[in-house]
Amino acid sequence: MRASLLNRQSIINKCLSGATGYEKKNYLEWLNKEHVQNFDYEFMFTQDKNFGKLLIYGVRFADSLLIPEELWKKNSQFDLDLLKYVDGHIMMRLDELTEQGLVSEITICYFKEEDKERYEKIFTKRTCRKIIKYIDCNEIYY
């Protein structure tokens, strides 16, 4: 029994630190299917909830560094986002929610101006870009 619990915890830890959005999306789908407790699956899997205004804080949307730039240039953004970005699964979900009219505004907090510039660049071709606003993270504390 203990080995099973340790193995399960190992799998859960791996899910949370996946190298790509594709990997994380698949792990989250597995966790949801297995009804693993202590996770809030609402954002990723609820199909009919209107989330209204979303605040994104502390998500870097970092490059996974697994996709060579040459491959990125030859394929469409949407084909590779799940692999290109560590949080590509969140980007895809934001687009999905926007297209379905289930989110009215997305506010992304940034720490430095260069972070804001990076977010603006990676969201340029996303559907959700129309409803994104950026705010310095210090502004939410005052």
N, C-alpha and C. Protein backbone atom coordinates (compact mmCIF):
# COMPACT_ATOMS: atom_id res chain seq x y z
N MET A 1 0.82 -1.19 0.00
CA MET A 1 0.00 0.00 0.00
C MET A 1 0.87 1.26 0.00
N ARG A 2 1.89 1.31 0.84
CA ARG A 2 2.76 2.48 0.92
C ARG A 2 3.46 2.75 -0.41
N ALA A 3 3.94 1.71 -1.07
CA ALA A 3 4.61 1.89 -2.37
C ALA A 3 3.64 2.50 -3.38
N SER A 4 2.38 2.07 -3.32
CA SER A 4 1.38 2.61 -4.22
C SER A 4 1.17 4.10 -3.97
N LEU A 5 1.10 4.49 -2.69
CA LEU A 5 0.94 5.90 -2.35
C LEU A 5 2.14 6.73 -2.78
N LEU A 6 3.34 6.19 -2.57
CA LEU A 6 4.55 6.90 -2.99
C LEU A 6 4.59 7.04 -4.49
N ASN A 7 4.23 5.99 -5.22
CA ASN A 7 4.22 6.05 -6.67
C ASN A 7 3.20 7.09 -7.14
N ARG A 8 2.03 7.10 -6.52
CA ARG A 8 0.99 8.07 -6.88
C ARG A 8 1.48 9.49 -6.63
N GLN A 9 2.12 9.73 -5.48
CA GLN A 9 2.65 11.06 -5.17
C GLN A 9 3.72 11.46 -6.17
N SER A 10 4.56 10.51 -6.56
CA SER A 10 5.58 10.78 -7.57
C SER A 10 4.95 11.20 -8.89
N ILE A 11 3.88 10.53 -9.27
CA ILE A 11 3.18 10.88 -10.50
C ILE A 11 2.58 12.27 -10.39
N ILE A 12 1.97 12.58 -9.26
CA ILE A 12 1.36 13.89 -9.07
C ILE A 12 2.42 14.99 -9.12
N ASN A 13 3.56 14.77 -8.46
CA ASN A 13 4.64 15.76 -8.50
C ASN A 13 5.12 15.97 -9.93
N LYS A 14 5.23 14.90 -10.70
CA LYS A 14 5.66 15.00 -12.09
C LYS A 14 4.64 15.81 -12.89
N CYS A 15 3.36 15.62 -12.60
CA CYS A 15 2.30 16.35 -13.30
C CYS A 15 2.46 17.85 -13.11
N LEU A 16 2.77 18.23 -11.92
CA LEU A 16 2.85 19.65 -11.59
C LEU A 16 4.09 20.32 -12.14
N SER A 17 5.09 19.53 -12.47
CA SER A 17 6.32 20.11 -12.97
C SER A 17 6.65 19.61 -14.38
N GLY A 18 5.64 19.37 -15.18
CA GLY A 18 5.84 18.90 -16.54
C GLY A 18 6.67 19.87 -17.36
N ALA A 19 7.34 19.37 -18.37
CA ALA A 19 8.24 20.18 -19.19
C ALA A 19 7.51 20.97 -20.27
N THR A 20 6.30 20.54 -20.64
CA THR A 20 5.55 21.22 -21.69
C THR A 20 4.08 21.31 -21.31
N GLY A 21 3.38 22.21 -21.97
CA GLY A 21 1.94 22.30 -21.77
C GLY A 21 1.23 21.03 -22.18
N TYR A 22 1.75 20.37 -23.22
CA TYR A 22 1.17 19.11 -23.68
C TYR A 22 1.25 18.05 -22.58
N GLU A 23 2.42 17.97 -21.97
CA GLU A 23 2.63 17.00 -20.89
C GLU A 23 1.71 17.32 -19.70
N LYS A 24 1.65 18.59 -19.31
CA LYS A 24 0.81 18.98 -18.19
C LYS A 24 -0.67 18.74 -18.49
N LYS A 25 -1.09 19.07 -19.71
CA LYS A 25 -2.49 18.86 -20.10
C LYS A 25 -2.86 17.39 -19.99
N ASN A 26 -2.00 16.51 -20.47
CA ASN A 26 -2.27 15.07 -20.40
C ASN A 26 -2.30 14.58 -18.96
N TYR A 27 -1.39 15.05 -18.14
CA TYR A 27 -1.38 14.65 -16.73
C TYR A 27 -2.64 15.14 -16.01
N LEU A 28 -3.01 16.38 -16.27
CA LEU A 28 -4.22 16.91 -15.63
C LEU A 28 -5.46 16.14 -16.06
N GLU A 29 -5.51 15.78 -17.33
CA GLU A 29 -6.64 14.96 -17.80
C GLU A 29 -6.66 13.62 -17.09
N TRP A 30 -5.49 13.03 -16.89
CA TRP A 30 -5.40 11.75 -16.20
C TRP A 30 -5.84 11.89 -14.74
N LEU A 31 -5.34 12.93 -14.07
CA LEU A 31 -5.72 13.16 -12.66
C LEU A 31 -7.22 13.35 -12.53
N ASN A 32 -7.79 14.13 -13.45
CA ASN A 32 -9.23 14.37 -13.43
C ASN A 32 -10.01 13.08 -13.66
N LYS A 33 -9.57 12.29 -14.63
CA LYS A 33 -10.23 11.02 -14.95
C LYS A 33 -10.16 10.05 -13.77
N GLU A 34 -9.04 10.05 -13.06
CA GLU A 34 -8.85 9.17 -11.91
C GLU A 34 -9.46 9.74 -10.63
N HIS A 35 -10.02 10.94 -10.71
CA HIS A 35 -10.65 11.60 -9.57
C HIS A 35 -9.68 11.76 -8.40
N VAL A 36 -8.45 12.12 -8.72
CA VAL A 36 -7.46 12.37 -7.67
C VAL A 36 -7.88 13.63 -6.91
N GLN A 37 -7.99 13.51 -5.61
CA GLN A 37 -8.48 14.61 -4.79
C GLN A 37 -7.40 15.67 -4.56
N ASN A 38 -7.82 16.76 -3.99
CA ASN A 38 -6.96 17.88 -3.62
C ASN A 38 -6.51 18.71 -4.81
N PHE A 39 -7.19 18.60 -5.93
CA PHE A 39 -6.93 19.43 -7.08
C PHE A 39 -8.23 20.11 -7.47
N ASP A 40 -8.13 21.34 -7.93
CA ASP A 40 -9.31 22.05 -8.41
C ASP A 40 -9.28 21.96 -9.94
N TYR A 41 -10.16 21.17 -10.48
CA TYR A 41 -10.19 20.92 -11.92
C TYR A 41 -11.10 21.87 -12.67
N GLU A 42 -11.76 22.75 -11.94
CA GLU A 42 -12.81 23.59 -12.52
C GLU A 42 -12.31 24.41 -13.72
N PHE A 43 -11.20 25.11 -13.58
CA PHE A 43 -10.74 25.98 -14.65
C PHE A 43 -10.44 25.20 -15.93
N MET A 44 -9.79 24.07 -15.80
CA MET A 44 -9.38 23.32 -17.00
C MET A 44 -10.50 22.50 -17.61
N PHE A 45 -11.48 22.07 -16.83
CA PHE A 45 -12.41 21.08 -17.36
C PHE A 45 -13.89 21.45 -17.32
N THR A 46 -14.28 22.47 -16.58
CA THR A 46 -15.70 22.83 -16.56
C THR A 46 -16.05 23.45 -17.90
N GLN A 47 -17.10 22.93 -18.52
CA GLN A 47 -17.46 23.35 -19.87
C GLN A 47 -18.47 24.48 -19.94
N ASP A 48 -19.21 24.72 -18.89
CA ASP A 48 -20.30 25.69 -19.00
C ASP A 48 -20.25 26.81 -17.96
N LYS A 49 -19.18 26.93 -17.25
CA LYS A 49 -19.08 27.97 -16.23
C LYS A 49 -18.53 29.26 -16.83
N ASN A 50 -19.18 30.36 -16.52
CA ASN A 50 -18.69 31.66 -16.94
C ASN A 50 -17.72 32.13 -15.86
N PHE A 51 -16.46 32.30 -16.22
CA PHE A 51 -15.43 32.71 -15.26
C PHE A 51 -15.36 34.22 -15.10
N GLY A 52 -16.04 34.96 -15.94
CA GLY A 52 -16.05 36.42 -15.82
C GLY A 52 -14.67 37.00 -16.03
N LYS A 53 -14.15 37.62 -14.98
CA LYS A 53 -12.82 38.24 -15.04
C LYS A 53 -11.80 37.33 -14.38
N LEU A 54 -10.72 37.06 -15.09
CA LEU A 54 -9.65 36.20 -14.57
C LEU A 54 -8.42 37.04 -14.27
N LEU A 55 -7.76 36.73 -13.18
CA LEU A 55 -6.48 37.34 -12.82
C LEU A 55 -5.43 36.25 -12.88
N ILE A 56 -4.40 36.47 -13.68
CA ILE A 56 -3.30 35.51 -13.79
C ILE A 56 -2.09 36.14 -13.12
N TYR A 57 -1.63 35.47 -12.09
CA TYR A 57 -0.52 35.99 -11.30
C TYR A 57 0.47 34.86 -11.07
N GLY A 58 1.72 35.09 -11.41
CA GLY A 58 2.76 34.10 -11.13
C GLY A 58 2.90 33.01 -12.17
N VAL A 59 2.30 33.18 -13.34
CA VAL A 59 2.46 32.20 -14.41
C VAL A 59 3.38 32.84 -15.45
N ARG A 60 4.49 32.20 -15.72
CA ARG A 60 5.53 32.78 -16.58
C ARG A 60 5.27 32.55 -18.06
N PHE A 61 4.56 31.50 -18.42
CA PHE A 61 4.39 31.12 -19.81
C PHE A 61 5.75 30.99 -20.49
N ALA A 62 6.67 30.36 -19.78
CA ALA A 62 8.05 30.22 -20.24
C ALA A 62 8.16 29.26 -21.42
N ASP A 63 9.18 29.46 -22.22
CA ASP A 63 9.48 28.53 -23.31
C ASP A 63 9.92 27.21 -22.70
N SER A 64 9.47 26.12 -23.29
CA SER A 64 9.88 24.81 -22.79
C SER A 64 11.30 24.47 -23.25
N LEU A 65 11.76 25.14 -24.28
CA LEU A 65 13.09 24.93 -24.86
C LEU A 65 13.23 23.54 -25.49
N LEU A 66 12.12 22.88 -25.75
CA LEU A 66 12.15 21.57 -26.39
C LEU A 66 11.92 21.65 -27.89
N ILE A 67 11.41 22.78 -28.35
CA ILE A 67 11.11 22.95 -29.77
C ILE A 67 12.16 23.87 -30.39
N PRO A 68 12.94 23.36 -31.34
CA PRO A 68 13.91 24.22 -32.01
C PRO A 68 13.21 25.34 -32.77
N GLU A 69 13.81 26.50 -32.81
CA GLU A 69 13.22 27.66 -33.48
C GLU A 69 12.88 27.37 -34.94
N GLU A 70 13.70 26.55 -35.61
CA GLU A 70 13.45 26.21 -37.01
C GLU A 70 12.10 25.50 -37.17
N LEU A 71 11.81 24.58 -36.26
CA LEU A 71 10.55 23.85 -36.31
C LEU A 71 9.38 24.78 -36.01
N TRP A 72 9.59 25.68 -35.07
CA TRP A 72 8.56 26.63 -34.70
C TRP A 72 8.16 27.48 -35.90
N LYS A 73 9.13 27.91 -36.70
CA LYS A 73 8.87 28.77 -37.85
C LYS A 73 8.13 28.03 -38.96
N LYS A 74 8.27 26.71 -39.04
CA LYS A 74 7.68 25.93 -40.12
C LYS A 74 6.27 25.46 -39.82
N ASN A 75 5.83 25.54 -38.59
CA ASN A 75 4.51 25.03 -38.20
C ASN A 75 3.66 26.14 -37.62
N SER A 76 2.37 25.89 -37.54
CA SER A 76 1.47 26.92 -37.03
C SER A 76 1.63 27.05 -35.51
N GLN A 77 1.29 28.21 -35.03
CA GLN A 77 1.39 28.50 -33.60
C GLN A 77 0.54 27.53 -32.80
N PHE A 78 -0.67 27.30 -33.25
CA PHE A 78 -1.58 26.48 -32.46
C PHE A 78 -1.18 25.01 -32.46
N ASP A 79 -0.47 24.56 -33.49
CA ASP A 79 0.00 23.17 -33.52
C ASP A 79 1.08 22.93 -32.47
N LEU A 80 1.85 23.94 -32.17
CA LEU A 80 3.01 23.75 -31.32
C LEU A 80 2.95 24.40 -29.94
N ASP A 81 1.93 25.20 -29.66
CA ASP A 81 1.87 25.91 -28.38
C ASP A 81 1.94 24.97 -27.18
N LEU A 82 1.31 23.83 -27.29
CA LEU A 82 1.34 22.90 -26.15
C LEU A 82 2.75 22.39 -25.89
N LEU A 83 3.57 22.35 -26.92
CA LEU A 83 4.95 21.91 -26.74
C LEU A 83 5.91 23.07 -26.51
N LYS A 84 5.64 24.19 -27.14
CA LYS A 84 6.57 25.32 -27.07
C LYS A 84 6.60 25.97 -25.69
N TYR A 85 5.44 26.03 -25.04
CA TYR A 85 5.37 26.72 -23.76
C TYR A 85 5.07 25.75 -22.62
N VAL A 86 5.73 25.96 -21.51
CA VAL A 86 5.51 25.15 -20.32
C VAL A 86 4.05 25.24 -19.89
N ASP A 87 3.44 26.39 -20.10
CA ASP A 87 2.05 26.60 -19.71
C ASP A 87 1.14 26.74 -20.94
N GLY A 88 1.50 26.07 -22.01
CA GLY A 88 0.71 26.11 -23.24
C GLY A 88 -0.71 25.63 -23.03
N HIS A 89 -0.90 24.72 -22.11
CA HIS A 89 -2.25 24.22 -21.82
C HIS A 89 -3.15 25.34 -21.27
N ILE A 90 -2.57 26.25 -20.53
CA ILE A 90 -3.34 27.37 -20.00
C ILE A 90 -3.66 28.36 -21.12
N MET A 91 -2.70 28.60 -21.99
CA MET A 91 -2.93 29.49 -23.13
C MET A 91 -4.07 28.96 -24.00
N MET A 92 -4.06 27.67 -24.26
CA MET A 92 -5.10 27.05 -25.08
C MET A 92 -6.46 27.17 -24.39
N ARG A 93 -6.48 26.97 -23.09
CA ARG A 93 -7.74 27.05 -22.34
C ARG A 93 -8.27 28.49 -22.33
N LEU A 94 -7.38 29.46 -22.21
CA LEU A 94 -7.81 30.86 -22.25
C LEU A 94 -8.46 31.18 -23.59
N ASP A 95 -7.89 30.68 -24.68
CA ASP A 95 -8.49 30.88 -26.00
C ASP A 95 -9.85 30.21 -26.08
N GLU A 96 -9.92 28.99 -25.58
CA GLU A 96 -11.18 28.23 -25.60
C GLU A 96 -12.28 28.98 -24.84
N LEU A 97 -11.95 29.45 -23.65
CA LEU A 97 -12.93 30.19 -22.84
C LEU A 97 -13.35 31.49 -23.52
N THR A 98 -12.39 32.16 -24.16
CA THR A 98 -12.69 33.40 -24.86
C THR A 98 -13.63 33.13 -26.03
N GLU A 99 -13.32 32.11 -26.82
CA GLU A 99 -14.14 31.77 -27.98
C GLU A 99 -15.57 31.40 -27.57
N GLN A 100 -15.72 30.79 -26.41
CA GLN A 100 -17.04 30.38 -25.93
C GLN A 100 -17.76 31.48 -25.16
N GLY A 101 -17.09 32.62 -24.98
CA GLY A 101 -17.69 33.72 -24.25
C GLY A 101 -17.81 33.46 -22.76
N LEU A 102 -16.93 32.60 -22.23
CA LEU A 102 -17.00 32.22 -20.81
C LEU A 102 -16.00 32.97 -19.94
N VAL A 103 -15.34 33.95 -20.52
CA VAL A 103 -14.47 34.84 -19.77
C VAL A 103 -14.58 36.21 -20.43
N SER A 104 -14.72 37.26 -19.62
CA SER A 104 -14.93 38.59 -20.18
C SER A 104 -13.67 39.45 -20.18
N GLU A 105 -12.75 39.14 -19.28
CA GLU A 105 -11.52 39.92 -19.18
C GLU A 105 -10.44 39.06 -18.55
N ILE A 106 -9.23 39.20 -19.05
CA ILE A 106 -8.07 38.49 -18.49
C ILE A 106 -7.04 39.54 -18.11
N THR A 107 -6.66 39.56 -16.86
CA THR A 107 -5.62 40.48 -16.40
C THR A 107 -4.39 39.64 -16.06
N ILE A 108 -3.28 39.96 -16.71
CA ILE A 108 -2.03 39.26 -16.45
C ILE A 108 -1.10 40.21 -15.70
N CYS A 109 -0.67 39.79 -14.53
CA CYS A 109 0.26 40.58 -13.72
C CYS A 109 1.69 40.32 -14.19
N TYR A 110 2.46 41.37 -14.23
CA TYR A 110 3.87 41.22 -14.59
C TYR A 110 4.74 41.86 -13.52
N PHE A 111 5.96 41.36 -13.41
CA PHE A 111 6.89 41.84 -12.40
C PHE A 111 7.78 42.95 -12.95
N LYS A 112 8.30 42.73 -14.15
CA LYS A 112 9.18 43.72 -14.80
C LYS A 112 8.61 44.06 -16.17
N GLU A 113 8.99 45.21 -16.67
CA GLU A 113 8.51 45.65 -17.99
C GLU A 113 8.87 44.62 -19.08
N GLU A 114 10.02 43.99 -18.96
CA GLU A 114 10.39 42.99 -19.97
C GLU A 114 9.48 41.76 -19.91
N ASP A 115 8.94 41.46 -18.73
CA ASP A 115 7.96 40.38 -18.62
C ASP A 115 6.69 40.76 -19.40
N LYS A 116 6.24 42.00 -19.22
CA LYS A 116 5.06 42.47 -19.94
C LYS A 116 5.28 42.37 -21.45
N GLU A 117 6.43 42.81 -21.90
CA GLU A 117 6.74 42.76 -23.32
C GLU A 117 6.73 41.33 -23.84
N ARG A 118 7.23 40.41 -23.04
CA ARG A 118 7.23 39.00 -23.43
C ARG A 118 5.81 38.47 -23.52
N TYR A 119 4.99 38.76 -22.52
CA TYR A 119 3.58 38.33 -22.55
C TYR A 119 2.88 38.89 -23.79
N GLU A 120 3.09 40.17 -24.06
CA GLU A 120 2.45 40.78 -25.22
C GLU A 120 2.86 40.06 -26.50
N LYS A 121 4.12 39.69 -26.57
CA LYS A 121 4.61 39.00 -27.77
C LYS A 121 3.99 37.61 -27.91
N ILE A 122 3.98 36.83 -26.84
CA ILE A 122 3.49 35.45 -26.97
C ILE A 122 1.98 35.38 -27.11
N PHE A 123 1.26 36.41 -26.69
CA PHE A 123 -0.20 36.41 -26.83
C PHE A 123 -0.67 37.15 -28.08
N THR A 124 0.26 37.65 -28.89
CA THR A 124 -0.10 38.44 -30.08
C THR A 124 -1.08 37.73 -31.00
N LYS A 125 -0.89 36.45 -31.23
CA LYS A 125 -1.73 35.72 -32.18
C LYS A 125 -2.81 34.87 -31.52
N ARG A 126 -2.95 35.01 -30.22
CA ARG A 126 -3.94 34.23 -29.50
C ARG A 126 -5.32 34.90 -29.60
N THR A 127 -6.34 34.12 -29.59
CA THR A 127 -7.71 34.64 -29.62
C THR A 127 -7.98 35.51 -28.40
N CYS A 128 -7.48 35.11 -27.26
CA CYS A 128 -7.76 35.82 -26.01
C CYS A 128 -7.07 37.18 -25.91
N ARG A 129 -6.18 37.49 -26.83
CA ARG A 129 -5.43 38.75 -26.76
C ARG A 129 -6.36 39.97 -26.70
N LYS A 130 -7.55 39.84 -27.29
CA LYS A 130 -8.50 40.96 -27.37
C LYS A 130 -9.01 41.37 -26.00
N ILE A 131 -8.99 40.46 -25.05
CA ILE A 131 -9.55 40.80 -23.73
C ILE A 131 -8.49 40.80 -22.62
N ILE A 132 -7.22 40.77 -23.03
CA ILE A 132 -6.13 40.77 -22.04
C ILE A 132 -5.70 42.20 -21.73
N LYS A 133 -5.53 42.46 -20.46
CA LYS A 133 -4.88 43.69 -20.03
C LYS A 133 -3.74 43.28 -19.11
N TYR A 134 -2.73 44.13 -19.03
CA TYR A 134 -1.54 43.84 -18.24
C TYR A 134 -1.45 44.85 -17.11
N ILE A 135 -1.02 44.35 -15.96
CA ILE A 135 -0.91 45.22 -14.80
C ILE A 135 0.35 44.85 -14.02
N ASP A 136 1.06 45.86 -13.56
CA ASP A 136 2.24 45.64 -12.73
C ASP A 136 1.77 44.95 -11.44
N CYS A 137 2.44 43.89 -11.04
CA CYS A 137 2.00 43.12 -9.88
C CYS A 137 1.95 43.96 -8.61
N ASN A 138 2.74 45.02 -8.53
CA ASN A 138 2.70 45.88 -7.35
C ASN A 138 1.37 46.63 -7.23
N GLU A 139 0.70 46.83 -8.34
CA GLU A 139 -0.57 47.57 -8.32
C GLU A 139 -1.69 46.80 -7.65
N ILE A 140 -1.62 45.49 -7.62
CA ILE A 140 -2.70 44.73 -6.99
C ILE A 140 -2.61 44.74 -5.48
N TYR A 141 -1.49 45.17 -4.96
CA TYR A 141 -1.32 45.22 -3.51
C TYR A 141 -1.69 46.57 -2.92
N TYR A 142 -1.90 47.56 -3.76
CA TYR A 142 -2.18 48.92 -3.25
C TYR A 142 -3.57 49.34 -3.56
